[in-house]
Amino acid sequence: MAKEIKQDPKQPKLDMARIPNHIAIIMDGNGRWAQARHLPRVAGHQQGMDTVKKVTIAASDLGVKILSLYAFSTENWKRPASEVSFLMNLPIRFFNSFVPDLVKNNVKVTVMGDISRLPKKTQQAVYDAMKDTEDCNGMILNFALNYGGRDEIVRATRKLAEQVQAGDLQPKQINEKMVDSHLMSAQLAPYTDPDLLIRTSGEERLSNFMLWQVAYSEFVFMKEHWPDFNGELLKKAIVEFQQRHRRFGGLKNK
């Protein structure tokens, strides 16, 4: 059950009966936040980790069912080795300090992406977090780690092609539901598709994130850098979402 939420009477009212089931966030702007303060980029990532903790609890309190966070993309390996090394250590530090709070708040951790390419210690931290929270049945905190939307679709297509080759599947049997079930997000059913996608830092692009799943998501782009994001800004994005009219290709809401 969602906790009672204090609301600013001067702001549009948040409708607690229409909280999006699945919110996905592209956490952008850590480096620019640090640069504006004449700090190294890794300082922005460190602050961004603390923001993840605050926003996770805020989303859980609001009654969000799934919070998907774009933590490390398949393209992020192109960054300087020192920055990549720091980013690979963040999950270890994050889970070591935050898993007790996740359990306390009944939050379950899941991960989508090619975890096998991550350093062994990072992999272990991820698997330990999933194991430690597996009995939680509240909100799902879903991290996209070494994840790319195109890579996800290629992998799903390959699995389907292998089934066809083995004679277990006819090409004409392949439909959207079947493709959906072969994507990395299948573990999030029945809320595989985000209702709301938020991107911070003013950029307005998907950057290869959940390309299939966001086909009918509402997008909210916010100017604040991720380290400055918080529960109030999350509520602001949800209020904007609630003012939209989702038609899913039809003429009116059903």
Protein backbone atom coordinates (compact mmCIF):
# COMPACT_ATOMS: atom_id res chain seq x y z
CA MET A 1 0.00 0.00 0.00
CA ALA A 2 1.33 3.44 -0.93
CA LYS A 3 2.22 5.70 1.98
CA GLU A 4 0.48 9.01 2.59
CA ILE A 5 2.23 11.64 0.47
CA LYS A 6 2.48 15.29 1.44
CA GLN A 7 1.66 17.59 -1.45
CA ASP A 8 2.37 21.23 -2.14
CA PRO A 9 -1.04 22.99 -2.38
CA LYS A 10 0.46 25.46 -4.87
CA GLN A 11 1.29 22.69 -7.35
CA PRO A 12 -1.05 20.59 -9.55
CA LYS A 13 -2.41 17.77 -7.42
CA LEU A 14 -0.94 14.31 -7.74
CA ASP A 15 -3.66 11.70 -8.32
CA MET A 16 -2.62 8.76 -6.15
CA ALA A 17 -5.12 6.55 -7.98
CA ARG A 18 -3.28 7.05 -11.29
CA ILE A 19 0.35 6.42 -10.38
CA PRO A 20 2.14 4.82 -13.37
CA ASN A 21 2.84 1.13 -12.83
CA HIS A 22 6.25 1.21 -14.52
CA ILE A 23 8.56 4.21 -14.60
CA ALA A 24 11.83 4.10 -16.55
CA ILE A 25 14.53 6.73 -16.07
CA ILE A 26 17.53 7.66 -18.21
CA MET A 27 19.77 9.06 -15.48
CA ASP A 28 21.65 11.72 -17.45
CA GLY A 29 23.87 14.62 -16.42
CA ASN A 30 26.26 13.25 -13.77
CA GLY A 31 29.30 14.52 -15.65
CA ARG A 32 27.84 17.95 -16.37
CA TRP A 33 26.75 18.30 -12.75
CA ALA A 34 30.34 17.65 -11.65
CA GLN A 35 31.83 19.91 -14.33
CA ALA A 36 29.63 22.82 -13.23
CA ARG A 37 31.13 22.44 -9.77
CA HIS A 38 34.71 22.03 -11.02
CA LEU A 39 34.74 18.45 -9.79
CA PRO A 40 35.90 15.26 -11.57
CA ARG A 41 33.19 13.38 -13.47
CA VAL A 42 33.31 10.52 -11.00
CA ALA A 43 32.07 12.90 -8.29
CA GLY A 44 28.89 13.26 -10.33
CA HIS A 45 28.52 9.49 -10.53
CA GLN A 46 28.99 9.23 -6.78
CA GLN A 47 26.31 11.83 -6.15
CA GLY A 48 24.11 10.12 -8.73
CA MET A 49 24.32 6.91 -6.72
CA ASP A 50 22.93 8.72 -3.69
CA THR A 51 20.12 10.07 -5.88
CA VAL A 52 19.22 6.52 -6.91
CA LYS A 53 18.71 5.66 -3.25
CA LYS A 54 16.44 8.66 -2.61
CA VAL A 55 14.38 8.22 -5.78
CA THR A 56 13.97 4.48 -5.21
CA ILE A 57 12.39 5.05 -1.80
CA ALA A 58 10.26 7.91 -3.15
CA ALA A 59 8.93 5.73 -6.00
CA SER A 60 8.24 2.86 -3.62
CA ASP A 61 6.34 5.17 -1.27
CA LEU A 62 4.21 6.40 -4.18
CA GLY A 63 3.17 2.86 -5.06
CA VAL A 64 5.14 2.50 -8.31
CA LYS A 65 5.36 -1.19 -9.19
CA ILE A 66 8.54 -1.11 -11.31
CA LEU A 67 11.34 1.45 -11.46
CA SER A 68 13.77 0.78 -14.32
CA LEU A 69 17.06 2.69 -14.26
CA TYR A 70 19.50 2.94 -17.16
CA ALA A 71 22.73 2.44 -15.22
CA PHE A 72 25.31 1.38 -17.85
CA SER A 73 24.78 0.98 -21.60
CA THR A 74 26.57 -1.26 -24.09
CA GLU A 75 28.06 1.96 -25.50
CA ASN A 76 29.43 3.20 -22.17
CA TRP A 77 32.49 0.96 -22.56
CA LYS A 78 33.80 3.66 -24.93
CA ARG A 79 34.36 6.03 -22.01
CA PRO A 80 37.83 6.51 -20.46
CA ALA A 81 39.06 3.37 -18.69
CA SER A 82 39.32 5.16 -15.34
CA GLU A 83 35.67 6.26 -15.52
CA VAL A 84 34.49 2.79 -16.58
CA SER A 85 36.42 1.28 -13.67
CA PHE A 86 34.72 3.67 -11.26
CA LEU A 87 31.29 2.88 -12.74
CA MET A 88 31.95 -0.86 -12.38
CA ASN A 89 32.66 -0.38 -8.67
CA LEU A 90 29.52 1.68 -8.05
CA PRO A 91 27.13 -1.32 -7.94
CA ILE A 92 29.36 -2.97 -5.33
CA ARG A 93 29.28 0.08 -3.07
CA PHE A 94 25.62 0.77 -3.81
CA PHE A 95 24.36 -2.69 -2.94
CA ASN A 96 26.67 -3.11 0.07
CA SER A 97 25.19 0.01 1.64
CA PHE A 98 21.61 -0.05 0.34
CA VAL A 99 20.38 -3.66 0.29
CA PRO A 100 19.26 -3.53 3.97
CA ASP A 101 17.12 -0.48 3.13
CA LEU A 102 15.74 -2.24 0.06
CA VAL A 103 14.72 -5.23 2.16
CA LYS A 104 13.23 -2.93 4.81
CA ASN A 105 11.14 -1.24 2.10
CA ASN A 106 10.21 -4.59 0.50
CA VAL A 107 11.97 -3.69 -2.80
CA LYS A 108 13.15 -6.47 -5.11
CA VAL A 109 16.22 -6.04 -7.34
CA THR A 110 16.28 -7.31 -10.92
CA VAL A 111 18.81 -6.68 -13.68
CA MET A 112 18.60 -6.76 -17.47
CA GLY A 113 21.63 -6.70 -19.74
CA ASP A 114 24.69 -8.83 -20.44
CA ILE A 115 25.96 -9.23 -16.89
CA SER A 116 28.61 -11.75 -18.00
CA ARG A 117 30.82 -8.99 -19.37
CA LEU A 118 30.95 -7.12 -16.06
CA PRO A 119 33.95 -7.62 -13.73
CA LYS A 120 33.58 -10.65 -11.47
CA LYS A 121 33.24 -8.56 -8.29
CA THR A 122 30.52 -6.46 -9.92
CA GLN A 123 28.70 -9.58 -11.07
CA GLN A 124 28.85 -11.01 -7.56
CA ALA A 125 27.44 -7.82 -6.04
CA VAL A 126 24.57 -7.90 -8.53
CA TYR A 127 23.77 -11.57 -7.94
CA ASP A 128 23.99 -11.11 -4.16
CA ALA A 129 21.57 -8.17 -4.29
CA MET A 130 19.06 -10.17 -6.33
CA LYS A 131 19.40 -13.12 -3.96
CA ASP A 132 19.07 -10.98 -0.82
CA THR A 133 15.89 -9.29 -2.11
CA GLU A 134 14.27 -12.21 -3.92
CA ASP A 135 11.57 -12.64 -1.28
CA CYS A 136 10.52 -8.98 -1.42
CA ASN A 137 7.18 -8.52 -3.16
CA GLY A 138 6.85 -4.74 -3.26
CA MET A 139 8.32 -2.50 -5.92
CA ILE A 140 10.84 -3.96 -8.39
CA LEU A 141 14.03 -1.94 -8.82
CA ASN A 142 15.20 -2.97 -12.28
CA PHE A 143 18.72 -1.97 -13.33
CA ALA A 144 19.79 -1.92 -16.98
CA LEU A 145 23.49 -2.88 -16.74
CA ASN A 146 25.57 -3.39 -19.88
CA TYR A 147 22.24 -3.05 -21.67
CA GLY A 148 21.36 -1.83 -25.14
CA GLY A 149 17.94 -1.83 -26.76
CA ARG A 150 19.21 -2.97 -30.15
CA ASP A 151 21.32 -5.71 -28.55
CA GLU A 152 18.24 -6.89 -26.66
CA ILE A 153 16.19 -7.11 -29.87
CA VAL A 154 19.00 -8.91 -31.71
CA ARG A 155 19.28 -11.47 -28.92
CA ALA A 156 15.51 -12.05 -28.93
CA THR A 157 15.50 -12.42 -32.73
CA ARG A 158 18.35 -14.92 -32.52
CA LYS A 159 16.45 -17.04 -29.98
CA LEU A 160 13.38 -17.08 -32.20
CA ALA A 161 15.48 -17.95 -35.27
CA GLU A 162 17.03 -20.87 -33.37
CA GLN A 163 13.55 -22.17 -32.53
CA VAL A 164 12.55 -21.92 -36.19
CA GLN A 165 15.74 -23.70 -37.26
CA ALA A 166 15.06 -26.47 -34.76
CA GLY A 167 11.58 -26.93 -36.19
CA ASP A 168 9.90 -25.91 -32.94
CA LEU A 169 8.41 -22.72 -34.36
CA GLN A 170 6.93 -21.60 -37.66
CA PRO A 171 7.77 -18.05 -38.84
CA LYS A 172 4.08 -17.23 -39.17
CA GLN A 173 3.63 -18.00 -35.46
CA ILE A 174 5.89 -15.12 -34.45
CA ASN A 175 3.88 -12.18 -33.14
CA GLU A 176 4.38 -9.23 -30.81
CA LYS A 177 3.54 -11.25 -27.71
CA MET A 178 6.14 -13.85 -28.59
CA VAL A 179 8.84 -11.26 -29.27
CA ASP A 180 7.96 -9.57 -25.98
CA SER A 181 8.41 -12.85 -24.10
CA HIS A 182 11.95 -13.23 -25.48
CA LEU A 183 13.13 -9.77 -24.44
CA MET A 184 15.17 -9.15 -21.29
CA SER A 185 12.20 -7.30 -19.80
CA ALA A 186 10.01 -10.43 -19.87
CA GLN A 187 10.80 -10.91 -16.17
CA LEU A 188 8.85 -7.71 -15.46
CA ALA A 189 5.53 -9.06 -16.77
CA PRO A 190 2.77 -7.95 -16.69
CA TYR A 191 4.34 -4.47 -16.55
CA THR A 192 7.08 -4.93 -19.15
CA ASP A 193 6.34 -1.62 -20.91
CA PRO A 194 7.04 1.64 -19.06
CA ASP A 195 4.04 3.93 -18.73
CA LEU A 196 6.38 6.87 -18.17
CA LEU A 197 9.94 7.46 -19.38
CA ILE A 198 11.88 10.27 -17.70
CA ARG A 199 15.18 11.65 -18.96
CA THR A 200 17.08 14.18 -16.91
CA SER A 201 19.60 16.85 -17.94
CA GLY A 202 17.62 18.34 -20.83
CA GLU A 203 18.55 15.83 -23.52
CA GLU A 204 15.68 14.52 -25.63
CA ARG A 205 16.67 11.14 -27.03
CA LEU A 206 16.35 7.47 -26.05
CA SER A 207 20.03 6.53 -26.28
CA ASN A 208 19.21 2.91 -27.13
CA PHE A 209 17.07 2.33 -24.01
CA MET A 210 14.11 -0.07 -24.09
CA LEU A 211 13.39 0.67 -27.75
CA TRP A 212 10.66 -1.97 -28.06
CA GLN A 213 9.04 -1.34 -24.71
CA VAL A 214 8.58 2.44 -24.93
CA ALA A 215 6.48 2.30 -28.11
CA TYR A 216 3.55 3.93 -26.28
CA SER A 217 5.27 5.35 -23.20
CA GLU A 218 4.80 8.98 -22.25
CA PHE A 219 8.11 10.89 -22.30
CA VAL A 220 8.98 13.61 -19.81
CA PHE A 221 12.28 15.44 -20.33
CA MET A 222 13.55 17.43 -17.37
CA LYS A 223 16.33 20.03 -17.33
CA GLU A 224 17.73 19.02 -13.94
CA HIS A 225 20.88 16.89 -13.90
CA TRP A 226 20.44 13.48 -12.31
CA PRO A 227 22.37 14.31 -9.09
CA ASP A 228 19.83 17.11 -8.47
CA PHE A 229 16.83 14.86 -9.07
CA ASN A 230 14.67 13.94 -6.07
CA GLY A 231 11.27 12.75 -4.93
CA GLU A 232 9.61 16.11 -5.57
CA LEU A 233 10.81 16.17 -9.17
CA LEU A 234 9.63 12.58 -9.57
CA LYS A 235 6.16 13.66 -8.42
CA LYS A 236 6.33 16.62 -10.83
CA ALA A 237 7.03 14.25 -13.73
CA ILE A 238 4.16 11.99 -12.66
CA VAL A 239 1.78 14.96 -12.49
CA GLU A 240 2.73 15.85 -16.07
CA PHE A 241 2.15 12.22 -17.07
CA GLN A 242 -1.30 12.31 -15.48
CA GLN A 243 -2.23 15.36 -17.57
CA ARG A 244 -1.57 13.47 -20.80
CA HIS A 245 -4.30 11.60 -22.72
CA ARG A 246 -2.99 8.17 -23.68
CA ARG A 247 -4.81 6.85 -26.75
CA PHE A 248 -2.49 3.99 -27.80
CA GLY A 249 -3.20 4.72 -31.45
CA GLY A 250 -6.97 5.03 -30.97
CA LEU A 251 -9.20 8.08 -30.89
CA LYS A 252 -9.95 8.26 -27.18
CA ASN A 253 -9.05 6.69 -23.85
CA LYS A 254 -10.73 3.43 -23.08
